[in-house]
Amino acid sequence: MTTPVRIALLGAGRIGRLHAELISRRVPGAALAGVFDLVDAAADEVAAEFGCRRYASAAEAHADPEADAVAICTSTDTHVDALVEAAAAGKPIFCEKPLSLDLAEVDRALAAVEAAGVPLLVGFNRRFDPSHAAVRRAVEDGSVGEVHLVRITSRDPAPPPLEYIRVSGGIFRDMTIHDFDMARFVTGSDVVEVHATGAVRVDPAIGEAGDLDTVVVVLTHADGTITTIDNSRRAVYGYDQRVEVFGSGGMAASDNPLVHTTTVRDADGARQATLPWFFIERYIPSYVAEWEAFVAMVRDGVPSPVDGRDGRAPLVMGLAALRSVAEGRPVRCEEIG
């Protein structure tokens, strides 16, 4: 049997715990070497549940000789320092998105990764969703012809807590950032201009916290493709994630899966199951595929499918969207950096 890739995990919160479970139980060729979290109880629980080492510090995790790689799943404000430290340790790195809310800090991290020559995979997991990936393949193989329009819908079932919204960096850098990445992914073309508008339609408290909860973004790509994105923080019917590419030869679209596929028909009409409630229910297969790609990157030396440039570009787009709303105009990405 092939020796598993042993991963040191930083972060034992909601997303870190999810990754711990996947690495330990669902990803062939992966194993959890150990875990660190600033909250001792959270790290203790993960270490006990999955039978791994409990690191006393992030530095200990980076230096662990039995860890082949590092997974950074801590809060966004800690990502850059962790990236720099992991790179200095010479470890391949998985890092959750966004790399940072600050572009200069992203560049500092990516410079350290490049200088160390270590591979980096940024956690834009939706690229690994089978349906979204099939849309990308339809573009690559020419099934849709020349791409003209892309439509992306992302609507959460409920807003996150206000405490989270206040530190999230705002909807464009927290929620829409996935859609910015998806626009580049499915088209294969960079974005050169961002025009965004938004409102507070779900909860006035979100506006009082300095954020928006309902936004529309129009992207212009380098190849002339136009992408529209719509986001809402509350869709009462469940987690709504759809992508459509329209081109000269046809269209390709990924729709929402249902909780199950049964349809009931009676005298009152037809009924189907609801949508998955949130991202954990919707995207488990994509997270597993993401980790399988990371294992292949570490073990076999294959190129990262989501590298530092892919991590940087959506932040540029998010910052451009913020400026667009503030100034009421389209913003060129080159204005941001």
Protein backbone atom coordinates (compact mmCIF):
# COMPACT_ATOMS: atom_id res chain seq x y z
CA MET A 1 0.00 0.00 0.00
CA THR A 2 1.12 3.55 -0.75
CA THR A 3 2.15 5.50 2.34
CA PRO A 4 -0.53 8.13 2.99
CA VAL A 5 0.14 11.85 2.75
CA ARG A 6 0.11 12.99 6.37
CA ILE A 7 -1.41 16.45 6.85
CA ALA A 8 -0.95 18.84 9.77
CA LEU A 9 -4.21 20.75 10.25
CA LEU A 10 -4.34 24.32 11.54
CA GLY A 11 -7.85 25.21 12.68
CA ALA A 12 -10.49 23.09 14.40
CA GLY A 13 -13.55 25.25 13.88
CA ARG A 14 -16.48 24.37 11.62
CA ILE A 15 -14.51 24.13 8.38
CA GLY A 16 -11.40 22.70 10.04
CA ARG A 17 -13.40 19.95 11.69
CA LEU A 18 -15.03 19.12 8.36
CA HIS A 19 -11.63 18.81 6.73
CA ALA A 20 -10.36 16.68 9.61
CA GLU A 21 -13.20 14.22 9.08
CA LEU A 22 -12.65 14.09 5.32
CA ILE A 23 -8.88 13.64 5.58
CA SER A 24 -9.24 10.94 8.22
CA ARG A 25 -12.15 8.95 6.83
CA ARG A 26 -13.06 9.76 3.26
CA VAL A 27 -9.94 10.57 1.22
CA PRO A 28 -7.85 7.60 0.06
CA GLY A 29 -4.16 8.25 0.48
CA ALA A 30 -4.57 10.95 3.13
CA ALA A 31 -4.10 10.87 6.90
CA LEU A 32 -4.36 13.45 9.66
CA ALA A 33 -0.95 13.94 11.31
CA GLY A 34 -2.13 16.38 13.96
CA VAL A 35 -4.21 19.45 14.72
CA PHE A 36 -3.69 22.88 16.28
CA ASP A 37 -6.23 25.51 17.26
CA LEU A 38 -6.03 28.55 19.48
CA VAL A 39 -9.08 27.16 21.30
CA ASP A 40 -7.63 24.26 23.24
CA ALA A 41 -10.94 22.46 23.67
CA ALA A 42 -11.62 22.46 19.92
CA ALA A 43 -8.19 20.99 19.15
CA ASP A 44 -8.56 18.43 21.94
CA GLU A 45 -11.90 17.25 20.55
CA VAL A 46 -10.58 16.81 17.01
CA ALA A 47 -7.42 15.05 18.19
CA ALA A 48 -9.44 12.66 20.34
CA GLU A 49 -12.06 11.92 17.69
CA PHE A 50 -9.64 11.26 14.87
CA GLY A 51 -6.73 9.82 16.84
CA CYS A 52 -4.09 12.32 15.79
CA ARG A 53 -1.43 14.38 17.51
CA ARG A 54 -2.48 17.56 19.30
CA TYR A 55 0.05 20.32 18.55
CA ALA A 56 0.82 22.91 21.19
CA SER A 57 1.46 25.63 18.60
CA ALA A 58 1.30 26.36 14.89
CA ALA A 59 5.09 26.33 14.82
CA GLU A 60 5.06 22.77 16.14
CA ALA A 61 2.66 21.76 13.38
CA HIS A 62 4.86 23.27 10.69
CA ALA A 63 7.96 21.60 12.11
CA ASP A 64 6.44 18.15 12.60
CA PRO A 65 8.79 15.76 10.75
CA GLU A 66 5.95 13.26 10.36
CA ALA A 67 3.72 15.79 8.55
CA ASP A 68 4.14 15.86 4.78
CA ALA A 69 1.95 18.91 4.26
CA VAL A 70 0.06 21.68 6.08
CA ALA A 71 -3.64 22.59 5.80
CA ILE A 72 -4.50 26.14 6.86
CA CYS A 73 -8.15 26.29 7.93
CA THR A 74 -7.93 29.05 10.52
CA SER A 75 -9.60 32.48 10.44
CA THR A 76 -8.79 34.57 7.38
CA ASP A 77 -6.74 37.14 9.30
CA THR A 78 -4.22 34.40 10.26
CA HIS A 79 -3.76 32.87 6.80
CA VAL A 80 -0.81 34.93 5.59
CA ASP A 81 1.45 34.35 8.59
CA ALA A 82 0.62 30.65 8.48
CA LEU A 83 1.41 30.53 4.76
CA VAL A 84 4.75 32.22 5.29
CA GLU A 85 5.64 29.84 8.15
CA ALA A 86 4.56 26.72 6.24
CA ALA A 87 6.54 27.82 3.21
CA ALA A 88 9.62 28.39 5.37
CA ALA A 89 9.22 24.83 6.65
CA GLY A 90 9.23 23.58 3.06
CA LYS A 91 5.78 22.00 3.33
CA PRO A 92 3.18 21.77 0.54
CA ILE A 93 0.21 23.89 1.56
CA PHE A 94 -3.55 23.75 1.38
CA CYS A 95 -5.14 27.09 2.36
CA GLU A 96 -8.80 27.94 2.67
CA LYS A 97 -10.13 30.94 0.80
CA PRO A 98 -9.72 33.85 0.85
CA LEU A 99 -5.96 33.96 1.28
CA SER A 100 -6.41 37.37 2.92
CA LEU A 101 -8.71 40.38 2.77
CA ASP A 102 -5.70 42.56 1.93
CA LEU A 103 -4.01 42.35 -1.47
CA ALA A 104 -0.58 43.40 -0.21
CA GLU A 105 -0.72 40.62 2.36
CA VAL A 106 -1.68 38.10 -0.32
CA ASP A 107 1.34 39.19 -2.33
CA ARG A 108 3.56 38.77 0.73
CA ALA A 109 2.32 35.24 1.22
CA LEU A 110 2.64 34.29 -2.44
CA ALA A 111 6.18 35.70 -2.57
CA ALA A 112 7.13 33.46 0.36
CA VAL A 113 5.53 30.42 -1.29
CA GLU A 114 7.31 31.11 -4.58
CA ALA A 115 10.66 31.72 -2.89
CA ALA A 116 10.37 28.42 -1.01
CA GLY A 117 9.31 26.55 -4.14
CA VAL A 118 6.47 24.75 -2.34
CA PRO A 119 3.15 23.86 -4.03
CA LEU A 120 -0.02 25.62 -2.91
CA LEU A 121 -3.66 24.65 -3.42
CA VAL A 122 -6.23 27.33 -2.58
CA GLY A 123 -9.55 25.99 -1.29
CA PHE A 124 -12.01 27.05 -3.97
CA ASN A 125 -13.81 23.74 -3.63
CA ARG A 126 -16.60 24.49 -6.10
CA ARG A 127 -14.17 23.89 -8.96
CA PHE A 128 -14.24 20.24 -7.94
CA ASP A 129 -18.03 19.91 -7.92
CA PRO A 130 -18.88 17.33 -10.62
CA SER A 131 -21.64 19.48 -12.14
CA HIS A 132 -19.67 22.73 -12.25
CA ALA A 133 -16.62 20.87 -13.56
CA ALA A 134 -18.75 19.39 -16.36
CA VAL A 135 -19.73 22.92 -17.42
CA ARG A 136 -16.03 23.79 -17.63
CA ARG A 137 -15.37 20.69 -19.74
CA ALA A 138 -18.17 21.68 -22.14
CA VAL A 139 -16.32 24.96 -22.68
CA GLU A 140 -12.94 23.27 -23.05
CA ASP A 141 -14.10 20.68 -25.57
CA GLY A 142 -15.97 23.22 -27.67
CA SER A 143 -19.47 21.88 -27.01
CA VAL A 144 -20.86 25.37 -26.40
CA GLY A 145 -18.78 27.05 -29.09
CA GLU A 146 -17.46 30.54 -28.45
CA VAL A 147 -18.62 31.64 -25.01
CA HIS A 148 -20.79 34.76 -24.99
CA LEU A 149 -22.59 34.88 -21.64
CA VAL A 150 -22.24 33.29 -18.20
CA ARG A 151 -24.85 33.44 -15.43
CA ILE A 152 -23.95 32.50 -11.86
CA THR A 153 -26.45 32.39 -9.00
CA SER A 154 -25.41 31.92 -5.37
CA ARG A 155 -28.00 32.34 -2.62
CA ASP A 156 -27.53 31.23 0.96
CA PRO A 157 -30.50 29.90 2.97
CA ALA A 158 -29.85 32.32 5.84
CA PRO A 159 -27.37 35.06 6.72
CA PRO A 160 -24.40 34.26 8.94
CA PRO A 161 -24.31 35.73 12.45
CA LEU A 162 -23.72 39.47 12.64
CA GLU A 163 -20.54 38.82 14.59
CA TYR A 164 -19.20 37.00 11.55
CA ILE A 165 -20.41 39.61 9.06
CA ARG A 166 -18.55 42.34 10.93
CA VAL A 167 -15.19 40.57 10.40
CA SER A 168 -15.87 38.79 7.11
CA GLY A 169 -14.65 41.51 4.81
CA GLY A 170 -18.11 41.97 3.33
CA ILE A 171 -20.22 39.98 0.93
CA PHE A 172 -17.91 40.47 -2.07
CA ARG A 173 -14.81 39.10 -0.32
CA ASP A 174 -16.64 36.48 1.71
CA MET A 175 -19.49 35.08 -0.41
CA THR A 176 -19.16 36.39 -3.97
CA ILE A 177 -15.47 35.49 -3.99
CA HIS A 178 -16.49 31.90 -4.81
CA ASP A 179 -18.45 33.18 -7.81
CA PHE A 180 -15.58 35.38 -8.96
CA ASP A 181 -13.43 32.25 -9.01
CA MET A 182 -16.15 30.27 -10.78
CA ALA A 183 -16.37 32.90 -13.53
CA ARG A 184 -12.66 32.52 -14.28
CA PHE A 185 -12.85 28.74 -13.96
CA VAL A 186 -15.73 27.97 -16.30
CA THR A 187 -14.67 30.46 -18.98
CA GLY A 188 -10.91 29.98 -18.78
CA SER A 189 -10.60 33.75 -19.21
CA ASP A 190 -9.43 36.41 -16.78
CA VAL A 191 -11.72 39.26 -15.74
CA VAL A 192 -10.71 42.80 -16.70
CA GLU A 193 -13.65 44.88 -15.44
CA VAL A 194 -16.15 44.68 -12.56
CA HIS A 195 -19.43 46.59 -12.24
CA ALA A 196 -21.35 45.91 -9.03
CA THR A 197 -24.45 47.15 -7.29
CA GLY A 198 -26.06 46.09 -4.05
CA ALA A 199 -28.67 46.72 -1.41
CA VAL A 200 -29.84 45.63 2.02
CA ARG A 201 -33.04 43.68 1.39
CA VAL A 202 -32.80 40.85 3.92
CA ASP A 203 -31.91 42.35 7.30
CA PRO A 204 -31.32 46.03 8.20
CA ALA A 205 -28.79 44.92 10.80
CA ILE A 206 -26.52 43.72 7.99
CA GLY A 207 -26.51 47.25 6.59
CA GLU A 208 -25.85 48.67 10.04
CA ALA A 209 -22.83 46.35 10.21
CA GLY A 210 -21.54 48.00 7.02
CA ASP A 211 -22.38 45.23 4.57
CA LEU A 212 -24.84 44.36 1.80
CA ASP A 213 -27.01 41.25 1.59
CA THR A 214 -28.29 41.42 -2.01
CA VAL A 215 -25.90 42.11 -4.89
CA VAL A 216 -25.54 41.85 -8.66
CA VAL A 217 -22.18 41.95 -10.44
CA VAL A 218 -21.39 42.22 -14.14
CA LEU A 219 -17.94 41.01 -15.18
CA THR A 220 -16.18 41.65 -18.47
CA HIS A 221 -13.61 39.01 -19.38
CA ALA A 222 -10.44 39.46 -21.39
CA ASP A 223 -11.92 37.44 -24.25
CA GLY A 224 -15.09 39.55 -24.35
CA THR A 225 -17.35 37.17 -22.41
CA ILE A 226 -19.85 38.84 -20.08
CA THR A 227 -20.69 37.20 -16.74
CA THR A 228 -23.54 38.17 -14.44
CA ILE A 229 -23.58 37.12 -10.79
CA ASP A 230 -26.49 37.46 -8.38
CA ASN A 231 -26.17 36.84 -4.65
CA SER A 232 -28.59 36.87 -1.75
CA ARG A 233 -27.94 36.10 1.88
CA ARG A 234 -31.39 34.50 2.28
CA ALA A 235 -33.18 32.03 0.01
CA VAL A 236 -36.01 30.52 2.05
CA TYR A 237 -36.11 27.40 -0.15
CA GLY A 238 -32.52 26.29 0.53
CA TYR A 239 -28.98 26.59 -0.80
CA ASP A 240 -29.20 27.78 -4.41
CA GLN A 241 -26.10 27.29 -6.59
CA ARG A 242 -26.36 27.44 -10.38
CA VAL A 243 -23.99 28.13 -13.27
CA GLU A 244 -24.90 28.54 -16.94
CA VAL A 245 -22.60 29.12 -19.92
CA PHE A 246 -24.15 30.24 -23.20
CA GLY A 247 -22.19 30.29 -26.44
CA SER A 248 -22.34 30.21 -30.21
CA GLY A 249 -22.77 26.44 -30.27
CA GLY A 250 -25.15 25.90 -27.38
CA MET A 251 -25.24 26.09 -23.59
CA ALA A 252 -24.19 24.11 -20.54
CA ALA A 253 -25.66 24.50 -17.07
CA SER A 254 -25.26 23.01 -13.61
CA ASP A 255 -28.41 22.96 -11.52
CA ASN A 256 -29.12 22.28 -7.86
CA PRO A 257 -29.26 18.70 -6.65
CA LEU A 258 -32.27 17.78 -4.53
CA VAL A 259 -32.12 16.09 -1.14
CA HIS A 260 -33.54 13.03 -2.93
CA THR A 261 -34.98 12.33 -6.38
CA THR A 262 -38.49 11.15 -5.52
CA THR A 263 -41.45 12.95 -7.12
CA VAL A 264 -44.91 12.55 -5.59
CA ARG A 265 -47.92 13.21 -7.84
CA ASP A 266 -51.49 13.26 -6.61
CA ALA A 267 -54.73 15.16 -7.12
CA ASP A 268 -53.17 18.33 -5.72
CA GLY A 269 -50.22 18.30 -8.14
CA ALA A 270 -46.58 17.22 -8.01
CA ARG A 271 -44.10 17.57 -5.17
CA GLN A 272 -40.34 17.12 -5.03
CA ALA A 273 -37.76 17.23 -2.26
CA THR A 274 -36.17 20.49 -1.13
CA LEU A 275 -32.66 21.69 -1.94
CA PRO A 276 -29.77 20.89 0.40
CA TRP A 277 -29.88 23.39 3.25
CA PHE A 278 -26.28 24.63 3.15
CA PHE A 279 -22.79 24.20 1.72
CA ILE A 280 -21.82 21.19 3.81
CA GLU A 281 -24.77 19.18 2.50
CA ARG A 282 -24.28 20.46 -1.07
CA TYR A 283 -20.55 20.23 -1.55
CA ILE A 284 -19.17 17.21 0.32
CA PRO A 285 -18.26 15.45 -2.98
CA SER A 286 -16.35 18.54 -4.11
CA TYR A 287 -14.41 18.72 -0.84
CA VAL A 288 -13.43 15.07 -1.19
CA ALA A 289 -12.30 15.63 -4.79
CA GLU A 290 -10.38 18.71 -3.69
CA TRP A 291 -8.45 16.66 -1.12
CA GLU A 292 -7.81 13.92 -3.67
CA ALA A 293 -6.27 16.58 -5.92
CA PHE A 294 -4.14 17.83 -3.03
CA VAL A 295 -2.88 14.31 -2.31
CA ALA A 296 -1.94 13.89 -5.97
CA MET A 297 -0.17 17.26 -5.92
CA VAL A 298 1.91 16.31 -2.87
CA ARG A 299 2.56 12.65 -3.67
CA ASP A 300 2.89 12.71 -7.44
CA GLY A 301 4.10 16.23 -8.07
CA VAL A 302 1.20 17.18 -10.37
CA PRO A 303 0.65 20.94 -10.76
CA SER A 304 -1.76 22.63 -8.39
CA PRO A 305 -5.23 22.90 -9.98
CA VAL A 306 -5.90 26.07 -7.93
CA ASP A 307 -2.64 27.94 -7.45
CA GLY A 308 -1.66 31.27 -5.93
CA ARG A 309 -2.69 33.25 -8.99
CA ASP A 310 -6.12 31.65 -8.75
CA GLY A 311 -6.24 32.68 -5.11
CA ARG A 312 -5.23 36.27 -5.85
CA ALA A 313 -7.52 37.07 -8.79
CA PRO A 314 -10.88 36.72 -6.96
CA LEU A 315 -9.69 39.08 -4.22
CA VAL A 316 -8.80 41.68 -6.86
CA MET A 317 -12.31 41.27 -8.26
CA GLY A 318 -13.83 41.58 -4.79
CA LEU A 319 -11.92 44.79 -4.11
CA ALA A 320 -12.99 46.11 -7.51
CA ALA A 321 -16.61 45.32 -6.66
CA LEU A 322 -16.35 47.23 -3.39
CA ARG A 323 -14.94 50.25 -5.24
CA SER A 324 -17.59 49.94 -7.93
CA VAL A 325 -20.41 50.15 -5.39
CA ALA A 326 -18.74 53.00 -3.51
CA GLU A 327 -18.09 55.06 -6.66
CA GLY A 328 -21.04 53.99 -8.80
CA ARG A 329 -18.99 52.99 -11.84
CA PRO A 330 -17.30 50.03 -13.53
CA VAL A 331 -13.81 49.40 -12.15
CA ARG A 332 -10.95 47.95 -14.18
CA CYS A 333 -9.09 45.21 -12.33
CA GLU A 334 -5.80 46.88 -13.22
CA GLU A 335 -6.86 49.79 -11.00
CA ILE A 336 -6.70 47.42 -8.01
CA GLY A 337 -3.41 45.71 -8.81
